[in-house]
Amino acid sequence: MKTNKKLFADRKRTNILSVPEQKFISYLVPRIPQSITSDGLTAIGLLGSLIIFASFVLANYYTINYLWLAPFGFFVQWFGDSLDGRIAYYRNKSRKWYGFALDIVMDWISTVFIGLGFHLYVESEYEIMGFLLVALYGWAMIISQLRYKITDKYTIDAGLLGPTEVRVILCLVIILEILIPGTILYAVFLICVALFFINLVDTKKLMDLGDERDAAEKMNL
């Protein structure tokens, strides 16, 4: 498998799995049937989020083994979310700003569904952790959009971690929860702490970028 660099020219990737991920996407894109559109893939990604949500709900009301649906849901979500924009570029049907807006909205809806599923799964005294997870991920999304506004360069990664790495981590957390019930509370707490400090660092970097752009604009007056 080789990477089709044209498919990824619109964004800079720094995440650990970027090389194998881009090779896999380059392999998949030409093999997607013409009947499946970019919007159709976006819908598939949303379906993946609903599967994750359903896995938490079913695990809460029936048996924890329903959590095995979640890793499958994350793969479906990755498939739709990662290929919807790339298929548009491959078919020369890209709509930059439409796609950008749709992608952000769907990412937020997916995050809310996953956070809500976790909220319903855990006991009432730990429900706030679901809220914190959504809020902190939302903070990271806001930083990403503001960075794009300031630098005119779009990146969806926070250093070595991107959406794909986050999905892998969450899958491992859920599998560990199935094997050792109750561990998800500690794992999500650690994820929230890590997100908080990552967001603090990225916010400082964002402010520095803002200062640099302000200085550059003043020099050009």
N, C-alpha and C. Protein backbone atom coordinates (compact mmCIF):
# COMPACT_ATOMS: atom_id res chain seq x y z
N MET A 1 0.84 -1.20 0.00
CA MET A 1 0.00 0.00 0.00
C MET A 1 0.88 1.26 0.00
N LYS A 2 0.54 2.21 -0.83
CA LYS A 2 1.26 3.47 -0.91
C LYS A 2 0.33 4.62 -0.55
N THR A 3 0.91 5.71 -0.09
CA THR A 3 0.12 6.88 0.29
C THR A 3 -0.12 7.77 -0.92
N ASN A 4 -1.39 8.10 -1.16
CA ASN A 4 -1.74 9.07 -2.19
C ASN A 4 -1.71 10.45 -1.53
N LYS A 5 -0.59 11.16 -1.69
CA LYS A 5 -0.37 12.41 -0.96
C LYS A 5 -1.37 13.50 -1.35
N LYS A 6 -1.95 13.40 -2.53
CA LYS A 6 -2.94 14.40 -2.96
C LYS A 6 -4.18 14.38 -2.08
N LEU A 7 -4.48 13.21 -1.51
CA LEU A 7 -5.66 13.08 -0.67
C LEU A 7 -5.53 13.82 0.65
N PHE A 8 -4.28 14.13 1.03
CA PHE A 8 -4.04 14.70 2.36
C PHE A 8 -3.35 16.06 2.29
N ALA A 9 -3.40 16.68 1.11
CA ALA A 9 -2.70 17.94 0.93
C ALA A 9 -3.35 19.11 1.67
N ASP A 10 -4.61 18.94 2.11
CA ASP A 10 -5.33 20.06 2.73
C ASP A 10 -5.10 20.17 4.22
N ARG A 11 -4.35 19.22 4.81
CA ARG A 11 -4.15 19.27 6.26
C ARG A 11 -2.81 18.67 6.65
N LYS A 12 -2.28 19.16 7.74
CA LYS A 12 -1.01 18.66 8.27
C LYS A 12 -1.31 17.66 9.37
N ARG A 13 -0.67 16.49 9.29
CA ARG A 13 -0.88 15.45 10.30
C ARG A 13 0.42 15.22 11.06
N THR A 14 0.32 15.12 12.38
CA THR A 14 1.49 14.88 13.22
C THR A 14 1.28 13.66 14.12
N ASN A 15 0.14 12.99 14.00
CA ASN A 15 -0.19 11.89 14.90
C ASN A 15 0.68 10.66 14.64
N ILE A 16 0.83 9.83 15.66
CA ILE A 16 1.71 8.66 15.60
C ILE A 16 1.33 7.71 14.46
N LEU A 17 0.03 7.51 14.27
CA LEU A 17 -0.44 6.52 13.29
C LEU A 17 -0.68 7.11 11.90
N SER A 18 -0.20 8.32 11.65
CA SER A 18 -0.53 9.00 10.39
C SER A 18 -0.06 8.22 9.16
N VAL A 19 1.15 7.63 9.21
CA VAL A 19 1.69 6.95 8.02
C VAL A 19 0.88 5.71 7.67
N PRO A 20 0.70 4.74 8.59
CA PRO A 20 -0.12 3.57 8.21
C PRO A 20 -1.57 3.93 7.95
N GLU A 21 -2.09 4.93 8.67
CA GLU A 21 -3.48 5.34 8.46
C GLU A 21 -3.68 5.90 7.05
N GLN A 22 -2.78 6.77 6.62
CA GLN A 22 -2.90 7.35 5.28
C GLN A 22 -2.71 6.31 4.19
N LYS A 23 -1.85 5.34 4.42
CA LYS A 23 -1.68 4.26 3.44
C LYS A 23 -2.96 3.43 3.34
N PHE A 24 -3.57 3.14 4.48
CA PHE A 24 -4.80 2.35 4.48
C PHE A 24 -5.94 3.11 3.81
N ILE A 25 -6.04 4.42 4.09
CA ILE A 25 -7.08 5.23 3.46
C ILE A 25 -6.85 5.30 1.95
N SER A 26 -5.58 5.45 1.54
CA SER A 26 -5.25 5.50 0.11
C SER A 26 -5.64 4.19 -0.58
N TYR A 27 -5.53 3.08 0.15
CA TYR A 27 -5.93 1.78 -0.39
C TYR A 27 -7.45 1.67 -0.50
N LEU A 28 -8.16 2.18 0.50
CA LEU A 28 -9.61 2.03 0.55
C LEU A 28 -10.35 2.93 -0.44
N VAL A 29 -9.89 4.17 -0.57
CA VAL A 29 -10.64 5.18 -1.33
C VAL A 29 -11.00 4.72 -2.75
N PRO A 30 -10.07 4.19 -3.55
CA PRO A 30 -10.45 3.78 -4.91
C PRO A 30 -11.42 2.61 -4.95
N ARG A 31 -11.56 1.92 -3.83
CA ARG A 31 -12.39 0.72 -3.77
C ARG A 31 -13.79 0.97 -3.21
N ILE A 32 -14.07 2.21 -2.85
CA ILE A 32 -15.40 2.55 -2.38
C ILE A 32 -16.36 2.62 -3.57
N PRO A 33 -17.46 1.90 -3.54
CA PRO A 33 -18.41 1.93 -4.67
C PRO A 33 -18.89 3.35 -4.97
N GLN A 34 -19.11 3.64 -6.25
CA GLN A 34 -19.56 4.97 -6.66
C GLN A 34 -20.90 5.34 -6.03
N SER A 35 -21.68 4.33 -5.68
CA SER A 35 -23.00 4.61 -5.10
C SER A 35 -22.91 5.18 -3.68
N ILE A 36 -21.74 5.01 -3.06
CA ILE A 36 -21.54 5.55 -1.71
C ILE A 36 -20.91 6.94 -1.84
N THR A 37 -21.63 7.95 -1.46
CA THR A 37 -21.17 9.33 -1.60
C THR A 37 -20.42 9.79 -0.35
N SER A 38 -19.86 10.98 -0.44
CA SER A 38 -19.18 11.57 0.71
C SER A 38 -20.15 11.75 1.87
N ASP A 39 -21.35 12.27 1.57
CA ASP A 39 -22.36 12.43 2.63
C ASP A 39 -22.79 11.08 3.19
N GLY A 40 -22.82 10.07 2.34
CA GLY A 40 -23.15 8.72 2.80
C GLY A 40 -22.13 8.20 3.79
N LEU A 41 -20.85 8.49 3.54
CA LEU A 41 -19.80 8.08 4.47
C LEU A 41 -19.90 8.85 5.78
N THR A 42 -20.29 10.12 5.70
CA THR A 42 -20.51 10.89 6.93
C THR A 42 -21.60 10.24 7.76
N ALA A 43 -22.67 9.79 7.09
CA ALA A 43 -23.77 9.11 7.79
C ALA A 43 -23.28 7.81 8.42
N ILE A 44 -22.38 7.09 7.72
CA ILE A 44 -21.82 5.86 8.26
C ILE A 44 -21.02 6.16 9.54
N GLY A 45 -20.26 7.26 9.52
CA GLY A 45 -19.52 7.67 10.70
C GLY A 45 -20.43 7.96 11.88
N LEU A 46 -21.56 8.64 11.60
CA LEU A 46 -22.53 8.92 12.65
C LEU A 46 -23.16 7.63 13.17
N LEU A 47 -23.40 6.67 12.27
CA LEU A 47 -23.93 5.36 12.68
C LEU A 47 -22.97 4.69 13.67
N GLY A 48 -21.66 4.84 13.43
CA GLY A 48 -20.68 4.27 14.34
C GLY A 48 -20.82 4.86 15.74
N SER A 49 -21.06 6.16 15.83
CA SER A 49 -21.25 6.80 17.12
C SER A 49 -22.50 6.29 17.81
N LEU A 50 -23.56 6.05 17.04
CA LEU A 50 -24.79 5.51 17.61
C LEU A 50 -24.59 4.08 18.12
N ILE A 51 -23.74 3.31 17.44
CA ILE A 51 -23.43 1.95 17.90
C ILE A 51 -22.71 2.01 19.24
N ILE A 52 -21.76 2.94 19.37
CA ILE A 52 -21.04 3.11 20.63
C ILE A 52 -22.01 3.49 21.75
N PHE A 53 -22.89 4.45 21.45
CA PHE A 53 -23.89 4.89 22.42
C PHE A 53 -24.77 3.70 22.84
N ALA A 54 -25.22 2.92 21.86
CA ALA A 54 -26.08 1.77 22.15
C ALA A 54 -25.35 0.73 22.98
N SER A 55 -24.05 0.57 22.75
CA SER A 55 -23.29 -0.44 23.51
C SER A 55 -23.28 -0.09 24.99
N PHE A 56 -23.13 1.19 25.32
CA PHE A 56 -23.15 1.62 26.72
C PHE A 56 -24.53 1.40 27.34
N VAL A 57 -25.57 1.78 26.59
CA VAL A 57 -26.93 1.64 27.11
C VAL A 57 -27.28 0.18 27.34
N LEU A 58 -26.98 -0.67 26.37
CA LEU A 58 -27.28 -2.10 26.50
C LEU A 58 -26.46 -2.74 27.62
N ALA A 59 -25.22 -2.31 27.77
CA ALA A 59 -24.38 -2.85 28.84
C ALA A 59 -24.92 -2.46 30.21
N ASN A 60 -25.52 -1.29 30.29
CA ASN A 60 -26.08 -0.82 31.56
C ASN A 60 -27.34 -1.60 31.94
N TYR A 61 -28.20 -1.86 30.96
CA TYR A 61 -29.49 -2.47 31.24
C TYR A 61 -29.48 -4.01 31.16
N TYR A 62 -28.50 -4.57 30.43
CA TYR A 62 -28.50 -6.02 30.25
C TYR A 62 -27.19 -6.64 30.75
N THR A 63 -26.20 -6.72 29.89
CA THR A 63 -24.94 -7.36 30.29
C THR A 63 -23.76 -6.55 29.76
N ILE A 64 -22.69 -6.56 30.52
CA ILE A 64 -21.49 -5.80 30.16
C ILE A 64 -20.90 -6.26 28.83
N ASN A 65 -21.22 -7.48 28.41
CA ASN A 65 -20.67 -8.00 27.16
C ASN A 65 -21.11 -7.18 25.94
N TYR A 66 -22.18 -6.40 26.08
CA TYR A 66 -22.59 -5.53 24.97
C TYR A 66 -21.54 -4.46 24.67
N LEU A 67 -20.63 -4.22 25.61
CA LEU A 67 -19.57 -3.25 25.35
C LEU A 67 -18.65 -3.68 24.21
N TRP A 68 -18.69 -4.99 23.87
CA TRP A 68 -17.89 -5.45 22.72
C TRP A 68 -18.35 -4.78 21.42
N LEU A 69 -19.55 -4.23 21.43
CA LEU A 69 -20.02 -3.49 20.25
C LEU A 69 -19.25 -2.19 20.05
N ALA A 70 -18.74 -1.63 21.15
CA ALA A 70 -18.11 -0.31 21.07
C ALA A 70 -16.87 -0.28 20.16
N PRO A 71 -15.91 -1.22 20.28
CA PRO A 71 -14.77 -1.19 19.34
C PRO A 71 -15.21 -1.27 17.88
N PHE A 72 -16.23 -2.10 17.62
CA PHE A 72 -16.76 -2.15 16.25
C PHE A 72 -17.33 -0.80 15.86
N GLY A 73 -18.05 -0.16 16.79
CA GLY A 73 -18.62 1.17 16.53
C GLY A 73 -17.53 2.20 16.25
N PHE A 74 -16.42 2.12 16.98
CA PHE A 74 -15.32 3.06 16.75
C PHE A 74 -14.70 2.85 15.37
N PHE A 75 -14.63 1.58 14.93
CA PHE A 75 -14.09 1.33 13.58
C PHE A 75 -15.03 1.90 12.52
N VAL A 76 -16.34 1.68 12.69
CA VAL A 76 -17.32 2.23 11.74
C VAL A 76 -17.23 3.75 11.73
N GLN A 77 -17.10 4.33 12.92
CA GLN A 77 -16.98 5.79 13.01
C GLN A 77 -15.72 6.27 12.30
N TRP A 78 -14.59 5.59 12.54
CA TRP A 78 -13.34 5.96 11.86
C TRP A 78 -13.50 5.85 10.35
N PHE A 79 -14.10 4.76 9.90
CA PHE A 79 -14.25 4.52 8.47
C PHE A 79 -15.00 5.67 7.80
N GLY A 80 -16.15 6.03 8.35
CA GLY A 80 -16.95 7.10 7.76
C GLY A 80 -16.30 8.45 7.89
N ASP A 81 -15.77 8.74 9.08
CA ASP A 81 -15.20 10.06 9.35
C ASP A 81 -13.92 10.29 8.58
N SER A 82 -13.13 9.25 8.39
CA SER A 82 -11.83 9.40 7.72
C SER A 82 -11.96 9.39 6.20
N LEU A 83 -12.97 8.74 5.68
CA LEU A 83 -13.07 8.60 4.23
C LEU A 83 -14.02 9.59 3.57
N ASP A 84 -14.91 10.24 4.33
CA ASP A 84 -15.89 11.10 3.66
C ASP A 84 -15.23 12.26 2.92
N GLY A 85 -14.29 12.93 3.56
CA GLY A 85 -13.59 14.03 2.88
C GLY A 85 -12.60 13.54 1.85
N ARG A 86 -11.94 12.43 2.14
CA ARG A 86 -10.92 11.92 1.21
C ARG A 86 -11.56 11.42 -0.09
N ILE A 87 -12.76 10.83 0.02
CA ILE A 87 -13.43 10.34 -1.19
C ILE A 87 -13.84 11.51 -2.07
N ALA A 88 -14.19 12.63 -1.45
CA ALA A 88 -14.57 13.83 -2.21
C ALA A 88 -13.36 14.36 -2.97
N TYR A 89 -12.19 14.38 -2.34
CA TYR A 89 -10.98 14.83 -3.01
C TYR A 89 -10.61 13.86 -4.14
N TYR A 90 -10.74 12.58 -3.90
CA TYR A 90 -10.37 11.58 -4.90
C TYR A 90 -11.26 11.69 -6.14
N ARG A 91 -12.53 11.98 -5.94
CA ARG A 91 -13.48 12.09 -7.05
C ARG A 91 -13.59 13.50 -7.59
N ASN A 92 -12.74 14.41 -7.13
CA ASN A 92 -12.77 15.81 -7.55
C ASN A 92 -14.14 16.45 -7.33
N LYS A 93 -14.74 16.12 -6.20
CA LYS A 93 -16.04 16.67 -5.84
C LYS A 93 -15.99 17.35 -4.47
N SER A 94 -14.81 17.79 -4.10
CA SER A 94 -14.66 18.37 -2.76
C SER A 94 -15.40 19.71 -2.65
N ARG A 95 -15.99 19.91 -1.49
CA ARG A 95 -16.62 21.19 -1.15
C ARG A 95 -15.99 21.62 0.17
N LYS A 96 -14.93 22.40 0.07
CA LYS A 96 -14.06 22.68 1.20
C LYS A 96 -14.82 23.18 2.43
N TRP A 97 -15.60 24.22 2.27
CA TRP A 97 -16.23 24.83 3.44
C TRP A 97 -17.47 24.07 3.88
N TYR A 98 -18.20 23.50 2.94
CA TYR A 98 -19.33 22.63 3.30
C TYR A 98 -18.82 21.42 4.08
N GLY A 99 -17.76 20.80 3.55
CA GLY A 99 -17.20 19.62 4.19
C GLY A 99 -16.62 19.95 5.56
N PHE A 100 -15.95 21.09 5.65
CA PHE A 100 -15.37 21.51 6.93
C PHE A 100 -16.46 21.70 7.98
N ALA A 101 -17.54 22.41 7.60
CA ALA A 101 -18.63 22.67 8.54
C ALA A 101 -19.32 21.37 8.96
N LEU A 102 -19.59 20.50 7.98
CA LEU A 102 -20.27 19.24 8.28
C LEU A 102 -19.40 18.37 9.18
N ASP A 103 -18.10 18.34 8.92
CA ASP A 103 -17.19 17.51 9.70
C ASP A 103 -17.16 17.94 11.16
N ILE A 104 -17.10 19.25 11.40
CA ILE A 104 -17.05 19.75 12.78
C ILE A 104 -18.35 19.45 13.51
N VAL A 105 -19.47 19.68 12.84
CA VAL A 105 -20.77 19.42 13.48
C VAL A 105 -20.93 17.94 13.82
N MET A 106 -20.55 17.05 12.88
CA MET A 106 -20.68 15.62 13.12
C MET A 106 -19.73 15.15 14.22
N ASP A 107 -18.53 15.73 14.26
CA ASP A 107 -17.59 15.37 15.33
C ASP A 107 -18.16 15.72 16.70
N TRP A 108 -18.80 16.89 16.78
CA TRP A 108 -19.38 17.31 18.06
C TRP A 108 -20.56 16.41 18.44
N ILE A 109 -21.41 16.10 17.48
CA ILE A 109 -22.56 15.23 17.77
C ILE A 109 -22.07 13.86 18.22
N SER A 110 -21.04 13.34 17.56
CA SER A 110 -20.48 12.04 17.93
C SER A 110 -19.92 12.07 19.34
N THR A 111 -19.21 13.15 19.67
CA THR A 111 -18.65 13.29 21.02
C THR A 111 -19.74 13.31 22.07
N VAL A 112 -20.82 14.02 21.79
CA VAL A 112 -21.94 14.10 22.73
C VAL A 112 -22.57 12.72 22.93
N PHE A 113 -22.76 11.96 21.86
CA PHE A 113 -23.34 10.62 21.97
C PHE A 113 -22.47 9.71 22.82
N ILE A 114 -21.15 9.76 22.60
CA ILE A 114 -20.24 8.91 23.37
C ILE A 114 -20.25 9.32 24.85
N GLY A 115 -20.20 10.63 25.10
CA GLY A 115 -20.25 11.10 26.47
C GLY A 115 -21.56 10.76 27.15
N LEU A 116 -22.65 10.86 26.41
CA LEU A 116 -23.97 10.52 26.97
C LEU A 116 -24.05 9.03 27.28
N GLY A 117 -23.50 8.21 26.39
CA GLY A 117 -23.49 6.77 26.63
C GLY A 117 -22.74 6.42 27.89
N PHE A 118 -21.56 7.04 28.06
CA PHE A 118 -20.78 6.81 29.29
C PHE A 118 -21.56 7.29 30.51
N HIS A 119 -22.21 8.43 30.38
CA HIS A 119 -23.03 9.00 31.47
C HIS A 119 -24.12 8.03 31.91
N LEU A 120 -24.74 7.36 30.96
CA LEU A 120 -25.81 6.41 31.28
C LEU A 120 -25.26 5.09 31.83
N TYR A 121 -24.03 4.78 31.47
CA TYR A 121 -23.45 3.50 31.87
C TYR A 121 -22.98 3.50 33.33
N VAL A 122 -22.35 4.59 33.75
CA VAL A 122 -21.76 4.62 35.09
C VAL A 122 -22.80 4.95 36.15
N GLU A 123 -22.43 4.70 37.41
CA GLU A 123 -23.31 5.01 38.52
C GLU A 123 -23.44 6.52 38.67
N SER A 124 -24.55 6.97 39.28
CA SER A 124 -24.91 8.38 39.31
C SER A 124 -23.82 9.29 39.87
N GLU A 125 -23.08 8.83 40.90
CA GLU A 125 -22.09 9.70 41.51
C GLU A 125 -20.88 9.97 40.62
N TYR A 126 -20.75 9.19 39.53
CA TYR A 126 -19.63 9.39 38.61
C TYR A 126 -20.07 9.99 37.27
N GLU A 127 -21.33 10.36 37.17
CA GLU A 127 -21.86 10.86 35.89
C GLU A 127 -21.15 12.13 35.43
N ILE A 128 -20.67 12.94 36.37
CA ILE A 128 -20.02 14.19 36.00
C ILE A 128 -18.79 13.95 35.13
N MET A 129 -18.19 12.77 35.23
CA MET A 129 -17.01 12.49 34.42
C MET A 129 -17.35 12.44 32.94
N GLY A 130 -18.58 11.99 32.61
CA GLY A 130 -19.02 12.02 31.22
C GLY A 130 -19.12 13.44 30.71
N PHE A 131 -19.65 14.32 31.57
CA PHE A 131 -19.74 15.75 31.22
C PHE A 131 -18.35 16.33 31.01
N LEU A 132 -17.42 16.03 31.93
CA LEU A 132 -16.06 16.56 31.83
C LEU A 132 -15.36 16.08 30.57
N LEU A 133 -15.57 14.81 30.22
CA LEU A 133 -14.95 14.26 29.01
C LEU A 133 -15.42 15.00 27.77
N VAL A 134 -16.73 15.25 27.67
CA VAL A 134 -17.28 15.98 26.53
C VAL A 134 -16.79 17.43 26.52
N ALA A 135 -16.79 18.06 27.70
CA ALA A 135 -16.38 19.47 27.79
C ALA A 135 -14.91 19.64 27.41
N LEU A 136 -14.06 18.76 27.89
CA LEU A 136 -12.63 18.87 27.61
C LEU A 136 -12.33 18.56 26.14
N TYR A 137 -13.04 17.59 25.56
CA TYR A 137 -12.85 17.31 24.14
C TYR A 137 -13.37 18.48 23.29
N GLY A 138 -14.47 19.08 23.76
CA GLY A 138 -14.99 20.27 23.09
C GLY A 138 -13.99 21.42 23.12
N TRP A 139 -13.30 21.57 24.24
CA TRP A 139 -12.25 22.58 24.36
C TRP A 139 -11.15 22.33 23.33
N ALA A 140 -10.76 21.08 23.17
CA ALA A 140 -9.74 20.72 22.18
C ALA A 140 -10.21 21.05 20.76
N MET A 141 -11.49 20.81 20.48
CA MET A 141 -12.03 21.12 19.16
C MET A 141 -12.01 22.62 18.90
N ILE A 142 -12.36 23.41 19.92
CA ILE A 142 -12.35 24.87 19.78
C ILE A 142 -10.94 25.37 19.49
N ILE A 143 -9.94 24.81 20.21
CA ILE A 143 -8.55 25.19 19.96
C ILE A 143 -8.16 24.90 18.52
N SER A 144 -8.59 23.75 18.01
CA SER A 144 -8.27 23.36 16.63
C SER A 144 -8.84 24.37 15.63
N GLN A 145 -10.09 24.80 15.85
CA GLN A 145 -10.71 25.74 14.92
C GLN A 145 -10.08 27.13 15.02
N LEU A 146 -9.73 27.55 16.23
CA LEU A 146 -9.09 28.86 16.41
C LEU A 146 -7.69 28.86 15.80
N ARG A 147 -6.98 27.74 15.92
CA ARG A 147 -5.65 27.63 15.31
C ARG A 147 -5.76 27.79 13.80
N TYR A 148 -6.81 27.18 13.22
CA TYR A 148 -7.04 27.29 11.78
C TYR A 148 -7.32 28.74 11.40
N LYS A 149 -8.11 29.44 12.21
CA LYS A 149 -8.45 30.84 11.93
C LYS A 149 -7.20 31.72 11.98
N ILE A 150 -6.32 31.46 12.95
CA ILE A 150 -5.15 32.31 13.14
C ILE A 150 -4.05 32.01 12.13
N THR A 151 -3.83 30.72 11.83
CA THR A 151 -2.68 30.34 10.99
C THR A 151 -3.05 30.03 9.54
N ASP A 152 -4.35 29.83 9.27
CA ASP A 152 -4.82 29.40 7.94
C ASP A 152 -4.31 28.01 7.58
N LYS A 153 -3.85 27.26 8.58
CA LYS A 153 -3.41 25.88 8.38
C LYS A 153 -4.24 24.98 9.27
N TYR A 154 -4.86 23.97 8.67
CA TYR A 154 -5.77 23.12 9.43
C TYR A 154 -5.07 21.86 9.90
N THR A 155 -5.09 21.63 11.20
CA THR A 155 -4.56 20.39 11.77
C THR A 155 -5.54 19.90 12.81
N ILE A 156 -5.75 18.60 12.85
CA ILE A 156 -6.71 18.02 13.80
C ILE A 156 -6.01 17.26 14.91
N ASP A 157 -4.66 17.36 14.94
CA ASP A 157 -3.89 16.61 15.92
C ASP A 157 -3.38 17.52 17.03
N ALA A 158 -3.22 16.94 18.21
CA ALA A 158 -2.58 17.61 19.33
C ALA A 158 -1.23 16.92 19.53
N GLY A 159 -0.24 17.37 18.79
CA GLY A 159 1.07 16.72 18.85
C GLY A 159 1.01 15.33 18.24
N LEU A 160 1.38 14.32 19.03
CA LEU A 160 1.43 12.94 18.54
C LEU A 160 0.08 12.25 18.59
N LEU A 161 -0.91 12.89 19.19
CA LEU A 161 -2.24 12.30 19.31
C LEU A 161 -3.23 12.98 18.38
N GLY A 162 -4.00 12.15 17.68
CA GLY A 162 -5.07 12.64 16.83
C GLY A 162 -6.33 11.85 17.10
N PRO A 163 -7.39 12.09 16.34
CA PRO A 163 -8.65 11.36 16.55
C PRO A 163 -8.49 9.83 16.51
N THR A 164 -7.61 9.34 15.63
CA THR A 164 -7.43 7.89 15.51
C THR A 164 -6.82 7.31 16.78
N GLU A 165 -5.79 7.99 17.31
CA GLU A 165 -5.17 7.52 18.54
C GLU A 165 -6.16 7.56 19.70
N VAL A 166 -6.99 8.60 19.74
CA VAL A 166 -8.01 8.71 20.79
C VAL A 166 -8.98 7.53 20.70
N ARG A 167 -9.38 7.18 19.49
CA ARG A 167 -10.28 6.03 19.31
C ARG A 167 -9.63 4.74 19.80
N VAL A 168 -8.36 4.55 19.46
CA VAL A 168 -7.65 3.34 19.89
C VAL A 168 -7.59 3.29 21.42
N ILE A 169 -7.25 4.40 22.05
CA ILE A 169 -7.17 4.46 23.52
C ILE A 169 -8.51 4.13 24.14
N LEU A 170 -9.59 4.72 23.60
CA LEU A 170 -10.92 4.46 24.15
C LEU A 170 -11.33 3.00 23.97
N CYS A 171 -10.96 2.41 22.83
CA CYS A 171 -11.26 0.99 22.62
C CYS A 171 -10.55 0.13 23.67
N LEU A 172 -9.28 0.44 23.94
CA LEU A 172 -8.53 -0.31 24.94
C LEU A 172 -9.14 -0.13 26.33
N VAL A 173 -9.59 1.09 26.63
CA VAL A 173 -10.23 1.37 27.92
C VAL A 173 -11.50 0.53 28.07
N ILE A 174 -12.30 0.46 27.00
CA ILE A 174 -13.56 -0.29 27.05
C ILE A 174 -13.31 -1.79 27.16
N ILE A 175 -12.32 -2.29 26.43
CA ILE A 175 -11.98 -3.72 26.52
C ILE A 175 -11.51 -4.06 27.93
N LEU A 176 -10.70 -3.18 28.52
CA LEU A 176 -10.25 -3.39 29.90
C LEU A 176 -11.43 -3.40 30.86
N GLU A 177 -12.42 -2.54 30.61
CA GLU A 177 -13.62 -2.49 31.44
C GLU A 177 -14.39 -3.81 31.37
N ILE A 178 -14.45 -4.41 30.19
CA ILE A 178 -15.13 -5.70 30.04
C ILE A 178 -14.42 -6.78 30.85
N LEU A 179 -13.08 -6.75 30.78
CA LEU A 179 -12.28 -7.78 31.46
C LEU A 179 -12.22 -7.53 32.97
N ILE A 180 -12.13 -6.24 33.35
CA ILE A 180 -12.06 -5.87 34.77
C ILE A 180 -13.07 -4.76 35.01
N PRO A 181 -14.33 -5.09 35.28
CA PRO A 181 -15.38 -4.08 35.47
C PRO A 181 -15.00 -3.04 36.53
N GLY A 182 -15.28 -1.79 36.21
CA GLY A 182 -15.00 -0.70 37.14
C GLY A 182 -13.76 0.09 36.78
N THR A 183 -12.89 -0.47 35.94
CA THR A 183 -11.65 0.23 35.59
C THR A 183 -11.90 1.43 34.68
N ILE A 184 -13.05 1.48 34.02
CA ILE A 184 -13.33 2.59 33.10
C ILE A 184 -13.37 3.92 33.84
N LEU A 185 -13.77 3.90 35.11
CA LEU A 185 -13.84 5.14 35.89
C LEU A 185 -12.45 5.73 36.08
N TYR A 186 -11.48 4.89 36.42
CA TYR A 186 -10.11 5.36 36.61
C TYR A 186 -9.50 5.81 35.28
N ALA A 187 -9.79 5.05 34.23
CA ALA A 187 -9.23 5.37 32.91
C ALA A 187 -9.76 6.70 32.39
N VAL A 188 -11.07 6.91 32.50
CA VAL A 188 -11.67 8.16 32.02
C VAL A 188 -11.18 9.33 32.86
N PHE A 189 -10.99 9.11 34.16
CA PHE A 189 -10.43 10.17 35.01
C PHE A 189 -9.05 10.57 34.53
N LEU A 190 -8.20 9.58 34.24
CA LEU A 190 -6.85 9.86 33.75
C LEU A 190 -6.89 10.56 32.39
N ILE A 191 -7.83 10.15 31.52
CA ILE A 191 -7.98 10.79 30.21
C ILE A 191 -8.38 12.26 30.38
N CYS A 192 -9.29 12.52 31.31
CA CYS A 192 -9.73 13.89 31.57
C CYS A 192 -8.58 14.75 32.08
N VAL A 193 -7.78 14.20 32.99
CA VAL A 193 -6.62 14.93 33.51
C VAL A 193 -5.63 15.23 32.38
N ALA A 194 -5.36 14.22 31.55
CA ALA A 194 -4.43 14.41 30.44
C ALA A 194 -4.96 15.45 29.46
N LEU A 195 -6.25 15.37 29.11
CA LEU A 195 -6.85 16.34 28.20
C LEU A 195 -6.76 17.76 28.76
N PHE A 196 -6.98 17.89 30.07
CA PHE A 196 -6.93 19.21 30.70
C PHE A 196 -5.56 19.85 30.51
N PHE A 197 -4.50 19.10 30.79
CA PHE A 197 -3.16 19.67 30.68
C PHE A 197 -2.73 19.86 29.22
N ILE A 198 -3.15 18.94 28.34
CA ILE A 198 -2.87 19.12 26.91
C ILE A 198 -3.54 20.38 26.40
N ASN A 199 -4.79 20.60 26.81
CA ASN A 199 -5.52 21.79 26.39
C ASN A 199 -4.90 23.07 26.93
N LEU A 200 -4.39 23.01 28.17
CA LEU A 200 -3.72 24.18 28.73
C LEU A 200 -2.49 24.55 27.90
N VAL A 201 -1.69 23.53 27.58
CA VAL A 201 -0.48 23.77 26.78
C VAL A 201 -0.85 24.29 25.39
N ASP A 202 -1.85 23.68 24.76
CA ASP A 202 -2.26 24.09 23.42
C ASP A 202 -2.88 25.49 23.43
N THR A 203 -3.57 25.83 24.52
CA THR A 203 -4.13 27.18 24.63
C THR A 203 -3.02 28.22 24.71
N LYS A 204 -1.96 27.92 25.48
CA LYS A 204 -0.81 28.82 25.56
C LYS A 204 -0.17 28.99 24.19
N LYS A 205 0.00 27.88 23.46
CA LYS A 205 0.57 27.95 22.12
C LYS A 205 -0.32 28.78 21.20
N LEU A 206 -1.65 28.63 21.37
CA LEU A 206 -2.61 29.38 20.56
C LEU A 206 -2.48 30.88 20.81
N MET A 207 -2.34 31.26 22.10
CA MET A 207 -2.16 32.67 22.43
C MET A 207 -0.87 33.23 21.82
N ASP A 208 0.19 32.42 21.83
CA ASP A 208 1.46 32.85 21.24
C ASP A 208 1.31 33.05 19.73
N LEU A 209 0.58 32.14 19.08
CA LEU A 209 0.33 32.29 17.64
C LEU A 209 -0.48 33.56 17.36
N GLY A 210 -1.44 33.86 18.24
CA GLY A 210 -2.22 35.07 18.09
C GLY A 210 -1.36 36.31 18.22
N ASP A 211 -0.43 36.30 19.19
CA ASP A 211 0.49 37.43 19.35
C ASP A 211 1.36 37.61 18.12
N GLU A 212 1.85 36.49 17.57
CA GLU A 212 2.70 36.56 16.38
C GLU A 212 1.95 37.14 15.19
N ARG A 213 0.68 36.72 15.02
CA ARG A 213 -0.09 37.25 13.90
C ARG A 213 -0.40 38.72 14.11
N ASP A 214 -0.70 39.12 15.34
CA ASP A 214 -0.97 40.53 15.63
C ASP A 214 0.26 41.38 15.30
N ALA A 215 1.45 40.90 15.70
CA ALA A 215 2.68 41.63 15.43
C ALA A 215 2.94 41.73 13.93
N ALA A 216 2.70 40.61 13.21
CA ALA A 216 2.92 40.61 11.76
C ALA A 216 1.98 41.57 11.05
N GLU A 217 0.73 41.61 11.49
CA GLU A 217 -0.26 42.51 10.86
C GLU A 217 0.07 43.98 11.13
N LYS A 218 0.59 44.28 12.34
CA LYS A 218 0.97 45.66 12.66
C LYS A 218 2.16 46.11 11.81
N MET A 219 3.09 45.18 11.53
CA MET A 219 4.24 45.53 10.71
C MET A 219 3.84 45.82 9.27
N ASN A 220 2.72 45.21 8.83
CA ASN A 220 2.27 45.38 7.44
C ASN A 220 1.37 46.60 7.25
N LEU A 221 1.02 47.29 8.36
CA LEU A 221 0.16 48.47 8.25
C LEU A 221 0.91 49.63 7.59
